[in-house]
């Protein structure tokens, strides 16, 4: 082991920065790591229902309903 890489017994061990717990995007309560980024299964299910009910949408180009064969009539 390299002597410069040794730490003294009085020096604290370095630890990675802790992940700051945020707030649930549905109700604002602190996040539960089991349901992150939500606080509970209830809030997770509410969010899923919003996606399935088309209340949320990812922006993008409009989808054309025409196919290649439609132009030849």
PDB file of N, CA and C in Angstrom:
ATOM      1  N   UNK A   1       0.855  -1.176   0.000  1.00  0.00           N
ATOM      2  CA  UNK A   1       0.000   0.000   0.000  1.00  0.00           C
ATOM      3  C   UNK A   1       0.897   1.235   0.000  1.00  0.00           C
ATOM      4  N   UNK A   2       0.506   2.219  -0.750  1.00  0.00           N
ATOM      5  CA  UNK A   2       1.254   3.456  -0.863  1.00  0.00           C
ATOM      6  C   UNK A   2       1.082   4.263   0.429  1.00  0.00           C
ATOM      7  N   UNK A   3       2.195   4.730   1.050  1.00  0.00           N
ATOM      8  CA  UNK A   3       2.073   5.479   2.309  1.00  0.00           C
ATOM      9  C   UNK A   3       1.228   6.737   2.179  1.00  0.00           C
ATOM     10  N   UNK A   4       1.209   7.370   1.009  1.00  0.00           N
ATOM     11  CA  UNK A   4       0.425   8.588   0.858  1.00  0.00           C
ATOM     12  C   UNK A   4      -1.075   8.297   0.786  1.00  0.00           C
ATOM     13  N   UNK A   5      -1.457   7.056   0.475  1.00  0.00           N
ATOM     14  CA  UNK A   5      -2.873   6.724   0.388  1.00  0.00           C
ATOM     15  C   UNK A   5      -3.452   6.291   1.731  1.00  0.00           C
ATOM     16  N   UNK A   6      -2.603   6.084   2.734  1.00  0.00           N
ATOM     17  CA  UNK A   6      -3.081   5.701   4.064  1.00  0.00           C
ATOM     18  C   UNK A   6      -3.669   6.915   4.767  1.00  0.00           C
ATOM     19  N   UNK A   7      -4.704   6.689   5.519  1.00  0.00           N
ATOM     20  CA  UNK A   7      -5.262   7.784   6.296  1.00  0.00           C
ATOM     21  C   UNK A   7      -4.930   7.556   7.756  1.00  0.00           C
ATOM     22  N   UNK A   8      -4.839   8.615   8.486  1.00  0.00           N
ATOM     23  CA  UNK A   8      -4.555   8.524   9.911  1.00  0.00           C
ATOM     24  C   UNK A   8      -5.798   8.054  10.637  1.00  0.00           C
ATOM     25  N   UNK A   9      -5.597   7.418  11.775  1.00  0.00           N
ATOM     26  CA  UNK A   9      -6.723   6.901  12.553  1.00  0.00           C
ATOM     27  C   UNK A   9      -7.650   8.014  13.008  1.00  0.00           C
ATOM     28  N   UNK A  10      -7.136   9.220  13.169  1.00  0.00           N
ATOM     29  CA  UNK A  10      -7.968  10.322  13.639  1.00  0.00           C
ATOM     30  C   UNK A  10      -8.787  10.963  12.518  1.00  0.00           C
ATOM     31  N   UNK A  11      -8.475  10.647  11.249  1.00  0.00           N
ATOM     32  CA  UNK A  11      -9.206  11.217  10.121  1.00  0.00           C
ATOM     33  C   UNK A  11     -10.476  10.405   9.858  1.00  0.00           C
ATOM     34  N   UNK A  12     -11.594  11.059   9.655  1.00  0.00           N
ATOM     35  CA  UNK A  12     -12.821  10.306   9.353  1.00  0.00           C
ATOM     36  C   UNK A  12     -12.745   9.703   7.953  1.00  0.00           C
ATOM     37  N   UNK A  13     -13.369   8.574   7.779  1.00  0.00           N
ATOM     38  CA  UNK A  13     -13.429   7.939   6.459  1.00  0.00           C
ATOM     39  C   UNK A  13     -14.311   8.794   5.560  1.00  0.00           C
ATOM     40  N   UNK A  14     -13.929   8.922   4.310  1.00  0.00           N
ATOM     41  CA  UNK A  14     -14.760   9.698   3.384  1.00  0.00           C
ATOM     42  C   UNK A  14     -15.922   8.837   2.940  1.00  0.00           C
ATOM     43  N   UNK A  15     -17.074   9.436   2.857  1.00  0.00           N
ATOM     44  CA  UNK A  15     -18.277   8.728   2.441  1.00  0.00           C
ATOM     45  C   UNK A  15     -18.870   9.450   1.251  1.00  0.00           C
ATOM     46  N   UNK A  16     -19.513   8.715   0.375  1.00  0.00           N
ATOM     47  CA  UNK A  16     -20.166   9.394  -0.750  1.00  0.00           C
ATOM     48  C   UNK A  16     -21.267  10.309  -0.230  1.00  0.00           C
ATOM     49  N   UNK A  17     -21.515  11.360  -0.983  1.00  0.00           N
ATOM     50  CA  UNK A  17     -22.565  12.298  -0.585  1.00  0.00           C
ATOM     51  C   UNK A  17     -23.901  11.580  -0.527  1.00  0.00           C
ATOM     52  N   UNK A  18     -24.648  11.832   0.495  1.00  0.00           N
ATOM     53  CA  UNK A  18     -25.955  11.200   0.657  1.00  0.00           C
ATOM     54  C   UNK A  18     -26.924  11.786  -0.366  1.00  0.00           C
ATOM     55  N   UNK A  19     -27.814  10.934  -0.849  1.00  0.00           N
ATOM     56  CA  UNK A  19     -28.836  11.383  -1.782  1.00  0.00           C
ATOM     57  C   UNK A  19     -29.872  12.149  -0.979  1.00  0.00           C
ATOM     58  N   UNK A  20     -30.117  13.376  -1.368  1.00  0.00           N
ATOM     59  CA  UNK A  20     -31.086  14.193  -0.654  1.00  0.00           C
ATOM     60  C   UNK A  20     -32.487  13.689  -0.980  1.00  0.00           C
ATOM     61  N   UNK A  21     -33.210  13.362   0.067  1.00  0.00           N
ATOM     62  CA  UNK A  21     -34.584  12.887  -0.129  1.00  0.00           C
ATOM     63  C   UNK A  21     -35.457  14.062  -0.526  1.00  0.00           C
ATOM     64  N   UNK A  22     -36.174  13.886  -1.611  1.00  0.00           N
ATOM     65  CA  UNK A  22     -37.047  14.942  -2.104  1.00  0.00           C
ATOM     66  C   UNK A  22     -38.459  14.759  -1.609  1.00  0.00           C
ATOM     67  N   UNK A  23     -39.345  15.501  -2.219  1.00  0.00           N
ATOM     68  CA  UNK A  23     -40.753  15.431  -1.861  1.00  0.00           C
ATOM     69  C   UNK A  23     -41.510  14.653  -2.926  1.00  0.00           C
ATOM     70  N   UNK A  24     -42.552  14.005  -2.492  1.00  0.00           N
ATOM     71  CA  UNK A  24     -43.431  13.269  -3.396  1.00  0.00           C
ATOM     72  C   UNK A  24     -44.072  14.255  -4.372  1.00  0.00           C
ATOM     73  N   UNK A  25     -44.021  13.971  -5.681  1.00  0.00           N
ATOM     74  CA  UNK A  25     -44.603  14.897  -6.655  1.00  0.00           C
ATOM     75  C   UNK A  25     -46.134  14.929  -6.614  1.00  0.00           C
ATOM     76  N   UNK A  26     -46.760  13.986  -5.952  1.00  0.00           N
ATOM     77  CA  UNK A  26     -48.217  13.945  -5.888  1.00  0.00           C
ATOM     78  C   UNK A  26     -48.741  14.713  -4.670  1.00  0.00           C
ATOM     79  N   UNK A  27     -48.195  14.413  -3.471  1.00  0.00           N
ATOM     80  CA  UNK A  27     -48.753  15.022  -2.258  1.00  0.00           C
ATOM     81  C   UNK A  27     -47.777  15.921  -1.503  1.00  0.00           C
ATOM     82  N   UNK A  28     -46.489  15.862  -1.830  1.00  0.00           N
ATOM     83  CA  UNK A  28     -45.507  16.733  -1.184  1.00  0.00           C
ATOM     84  C   UNK A  28     -44.881  16.178   0.079  1.00  0.00           C
ATOM     85  N   UNK A  29     -45.269  14.974   0.510  1.00  0.00           N
ATOM     86  CA  UNK A  29     -44.658  14.358   1.691  1.00  0.00           C
ATOM     87  C   UNK A  29     -43.250  13.879   1.331  1.00  0.00           C
ATOM     88  N   UNK A  30     -42.402  13.585   2.338  1.00  0.00           N
ATOM     89  CA  UNK A  30     -41.056  13.067   2.038  1.00  0.00           C
ATOM     90  C   UNK A  30     -41.133  11.735   1.294  1.00  0.00           C
ATOM     91  N   UNK A  31     -40.176  11.521   0.398  1.00  0.00           N
ATOM     92  CA  UNK A  31     -40.129  10.296  -0.397  1.00  0.00           C
ATOM     93  C   UNK A  31     -39.826   9.088   0.478  1.00  0.00           C
ATOM     94  N   UNK A  32     -40.357   7.947   0.088  1.00  0.00           N
ATOM     95  CA  UNK A  32     -40.026   6.659   0.680  1.00  0.00           C
ATOM     96  C   UNK A  32     -39.149   5.958  -0.339  1.00  0.00           C
ATOM     97  N   UNK A  33     -37.975   5.505   0.061  1.00  0.00           N
ATOM     98  CA  UNK A  33     -37.044   4.898  -0.886  1.00  0.00           C
ATOM     99  C   UNK A  33     -37.622   3.650  -1.545  1.00  0.00           C
ATOM    100  N   UNK A  34     -38.604   3.023  -0.940  1.00  0.00           N
ATOM    101  CA  UNK A  34     -39.254   1.866  -1.539  1.00  0.00           C
ATOM    102  C   UNK A  34     -40.180   2.227  -2.698  1.00  0.00           C
ATOM    103  N   UNK A  35     -40.641   3.475  -2.725  1.00  0.00           N
ATOM    104  CA  UNK A  35     -41.572   3.926  -3.762  1.00  0.00           C
ATOM    105  C   UNK A  35     -41.048   5.150  -4.501  1.00  0.00           C
ATOM    106  N   UNK A  36     -39.778   5.425  -4.383  1.00  0.00           N
ATOM    107  CA  UNK A  36     -39.171   6.622  -4.944  1.00  0.00           C
ATOM    108  C   UNK A  36     -39.557   6.855  -6.378  1.00  0.00           C
ATOM    109  N   UNK A  37     -39.966   8.002  -6.793  1.00  0.00           N
ATOM    110  CA  UNK A  37     -39.927   9.303  -6.121  1.00  0.00           C
ATOM    111  C   UNK A  37     -41.185   9.612  -5.313  1.00  0.00           C
ATOM    112  N   UNK A  38     -42.012   8.618  -5.047  1.00  0.00           N
ATOM    113  CA  UNK A  38     -43.257   8.843  -4.330  1.00  0.00           C
ATOM    114  C   UNK A  38     -43.099   8.509  -2.854  1.00  0.00           C
ATOM    115  N   UNK A  39     -44.123   8.842  -2.068  1.00  0.00           N
ATOM    116  CA  UNK A  39     -44.075   8.565  -0.631  1.00  0.00           C
ATOM    117  C   UNK A  39     -44.749   7.247  -0.284  1.00  0.00           C
ATOM    118  N   UNK A  40     -45.587   6.738  -1.183  1.00  0.00           N
ATOM    119  CA  UNK A  40     -46.352   5.530  -0.878  1.00  0.00           C
ATOM    120  C   UNK A  40     -46.838   4.877  -2.167  1.00  0.00           C
ATOM    121  N   UNK A  41     -47.367   3.665  -2.005  1.00  0.00           N
ATOM    122  CA  UNK A  41     -47.949   2.961  -3.142  1.00  0.00           C
ATOM    123  C   UNK A  41     -49.160   3.728  -3.676  1.00  0.00           C
ATOM    124  N   UNK A  42     -49.910   4.344  -2.783  1.00  0.00           N
ATOM    125  CA  UNK A  42     -51.087   5.122  -3.190  1.00  0.00           C
ATOM    126  C   UNK A  42     -50.703   6.220  -4.174  1.00  0.00           C
ATOM    127  N   UNK A  43     -49.686   7.007  -3.836  1.00  0.00           N
ATOM    128  CA  UNK A  43     -49.268   8.100  -4.723  1.00  0.00           C
ATOM    129  C   UNK A  43     -48.669   7.550  -6.020  1.00  0.00           C
ATOM    130  N   UNK A  44     -47.982   6.422  -5.930  1.00  0.00           N
ATOM    131  CA  UNK A  44     -47.450   5.778  -7.128  1.00  0.00           C
ATOM    132  C   UNK A  44     -48.581   5.350  -8.057  1.00  0.00           C
ATOM    133  N   UNK A  45     -49.641   4.784  -7.474  1.00  0.00           N
ATOM    134  CA  UNK A  45     -50.795   4.350  -8.266  1.00  0.00           C
ATOM    135  C   UNK A  45     -51.552   5.540  -8.866  1.00  0.00           C
ATOM    136  N   UNK A  46     -51.637   6.647  -8.131  1.00  0.00           N
ATOM    137  CA  UNK A  46     -52.283   7.849  -8.664  1.00  0.00           C
ATOM    138  C   UNK A  46     -51.530   8.326  -9.897  1.00  0.00           C
ATOM    139  N   UNK A  47     -50.211   8.339  -9.823  1.00  0.00           N
ATOM    140  CA  UNK A  47     -49.395   8.775 -10.958  1.00  0.00           C
ATOM    141  C   UNK A  47     -49.581   7.840 -12.154  1.00  0.00           C
ATOM    142  N   UNK A  48     -49.580   6.541 -11.905  1.00  0.00           N
ATOM    143  CA  UNK A  48     -49.793   5.571 -12.989  1.00  0.00           C
ATOM    144  C   UNK A  48     -51.153   5.789 -13.644  1.00  0.00           C
ATOM    145  N   UNK A  49     -52.171   6.012 -12.831  1.00  0.00           N
ATOM    146  CA  UNK A  49     -53.503   6.273 -13.367  1.00  0.00           C
ATOM    147  C   UNK A  49     -53.545   7.521 -14.239  1.00  0.00           C
ATOM    148  N   UNK A  50     -52.777   8.528 -13.866  1.00  0.00           N
ATOM    149  CA  UNK A  50     -52.728   9.741 -14.687  1.00  0.00           C
ATOM    150  C   UNK A  50     -52.079   9.459 -16.041  1.00  0.00           C
ATOM    151  N   UNK A  51     -51.026   8.650 -16.053  1.00  0.00           N
ATOM    152  CA  UNK A  51     -50.396   8.288 -17.335  1.00  0.00           C
ATOM    153  C   UNK A  51     -51.362   7.473 -18.185  1.00  0.00           C
ATOM    154  N   UNK A  52     -52.003   6.479 -17.582  1.00  0.00           N
ATOM    155  CA  UNK A  52     -52.913   5.610 -18.334  1.00  0.00           C
ATOM    156  C   UNK A  52     -54.159   6.354 -18.790  1.00  0.00           C
ATOM    157  N   UNK A  53     -54.564   7.376 -18.058  1.00  0.00           N
ATOM    158  CA  UNK A  53     -55.726   8.169 -18.426  1.00  0.00           C
ATOM    159  C   UNK A  53     -55.395   9.320 -19.370  1.00  0.00           C
ATOM    160  N   UNK A  54     -54.177   9.356 -19.860  1.00  0.00           N
ATOM    161  CA  UNK A  54     -53.698  10.374 -20.810  1.00  0.00           C
ATOM    162  C   UNK A  54     -53.688  11.791 -20.245  1.00  0.00           C
ATOM    163  N   UNK A  55     -53.581  11.921 -18.922  1.00  0.00           N
ATOM    164  CA  UNK A  55     -53.456  13.266 -18.345  1.00  0.00           C
ATOM    165  C   UNK A  55     -52.038  13.787 -18.512  1.00  0.00           C
ATOM    166  N   UNK A  56     -51.089  12.884 -18.668  1.00  0.00           N
ATOM    167  CA  UNK A  56     -49.706  13.261 -18.941  1.00  0.00           C
ATOM    168  C   UNK A  56     -49.424  12.884 -20.386  1.00  0.00           C
ATOM    169  N   UNK A  57     -48.524  13.617 -21.029  1.00  0.00           N
ATOM    170  CA  UNK A  57     -48.126  13.284 -22.394  1.00  0.00           C
ATOM    171  C   UNK A  57     -46.684  13.724 -22.608  1.00  0.00           C
ATOM    172  N   UNK A  58     -45.970  12.957 -23.372  1.00  0.00           N
ATOM    173  CA  UNK A  58     -44.605  13.307 -23.738  1.00  0.00           C
ATOM    174  C   UNK A  58     -44.680  14.045 -25.068  1.00  0.00           C
ATOM    175  N   UNK A  59     -44.154  15.290 -25.134  1.00  0.00           N
ATOM    176  CA  UNK A  59     -44.249  16.043 -26.385  1.00  0.00           C
ATOM    177  C   UNK A  59     -43.453  15.378 -27.503  1.00  0.00           C
ATOM    178  N   UNK A  60     -43.943  15.504 -28.709  1.00  0.00           N
ATOM    179  CA  UNK A  60     -43.266  14.929 -29.864  1.00  0.00           C
ATOM    180  C   UNK A  60     -43.968  15.332 -31.142  1.00  0.00           C
ATOM    181  N   UNK A  61     -43.471  14.816 -32.231  1.00  0.00           N
ATOM    182  CA  UNK A  61     -44.060  15.088 -33.538  1.00  0.00           C
ATOM    183  C   UNK A  61     -45.412  14.393 -33.651  1.00  0.00           C
ATOM    184  N   UNK A  62     -46.379  15.012 -34.317  1.00  0.00           N
ATOM    185  CA  UNK A  62     -47.669  14.347 -34.530  1.00  0.00           C
ATOM    186  C   UNK A  62     -47.487  13.052 -35.324  1.00  0.00           C
ATOM    187  N   UNK A  63     -48.267  12.058 -34.994  1.00  0.00           N
ATOM    188  CA  UNK A  63     -48.191  10.777 -35.688  1.00  0.00           C
ATOM    189  C   UNK A  63     -49.141  10.804 -36.871  1.00  0.00           C
ATOM    190  N   UNK A  64     -48.633  10.486 -38.052  1.00  0.00           N
ATOM    191  CA  UNK A  64     -49.463  10.437 -39.249  1.00  0.00           C
ATOM    192  C   UNK A  64     -50.204   9.111 -39.276  1.00  0.00           C
ATOM    193  N   UNK A  65     -51.485   9.154 -39.621  1.00  0.00           N
ATOM    194  CA  UNK A  65     -52.276   7.922 -39.715  1.00  0.00           C
ATOM    195  C   UNK A  65     -52.239   7.351 -41.122  1.00  0.00           C
ATOM    196  N   UNK A  66     -51.630   8.054 -42.052  1.00  0.00           N
ATOM    197  CA  UNK A  66     -51.536   7.575 -43.433  1.00  0.00           C
ATOM    198  C   UNK A  66     -50.426   6.543 -43.561  1.00  0.00           C
ATOM    199  N   UNK A  67     -50.620   5.587 -44.439  1.00  0.00           N
ATOM    200  CA  UNK A  67     -49.598   4.594 -44.727  1.00  0.00           C
ATOM    201  C   UNK A  67     -49.091   4.834 -46.147  1.00  0.00           C
ATOM    202  N   UNK A  68     -48.037   4.151 -46.535  1.00  0.00           N
ATOM    203  CA  UNK A  68     -47.455   4.335 -47.859  1.00  0.00           C
ATOM    204  C   UNK A  68     -48.426   3.983 -48.980  1.00  0.00           C
ATOM    205  N   UNK A  69     -49.281   2.990 -48.785  1.00  0.00           N
ATOM    206  CA  UNK A  69     -50.219   2.544 -49.812  1.00  0.00           C
ATOM    207  C   UNK A  69     -51.380   3.500 -50.027  1.00  0.00           C
ATOM    208  N   UNK A  70     -51.639   4.413 -49.118  1.00  0.00           N
ATOM    209  CA  UNK A  70     -52.772   5.342 -49.252  1.00  0.00           C
ATOM    210  C   UNK A  70     -52.570   6.387 -50.337  1.00  0.00           C
ATOM    211  N   UNK A  71     -51.339   6.675 -50.731  1.00  0.00           N
ATOM    212  CA  UNK A  71     -51.063   7.705 -51.735  1.00  0.00           C
ATOM    213  C   UNK A  71     -51.385   7.276 -53.148  1.00  0.00           C
ATOM    214  N   UNK A  72     -51.588   5.979 -53.428  1.00  0.00           N
ATOM    215  CA  UNK A  72     -51.711   5.471 -54.791  1.00  0.00           C
ATOM    216  C   UNK A  72     -53.158   5.315 -55.237  1.00  0.00           C
ATOM    217  N   UNK A  73     -54.101   6.033 -54.760  1.00  0.00           N
ATOM    218  CA  UNK A  73     -55.487   5.870 -55.190  1.00  0.00           C
ATOM    219  C   UNK A  73     -55.906   6.885 -56.145  1.00  0.00           C
TER     220      UNK A  73
END
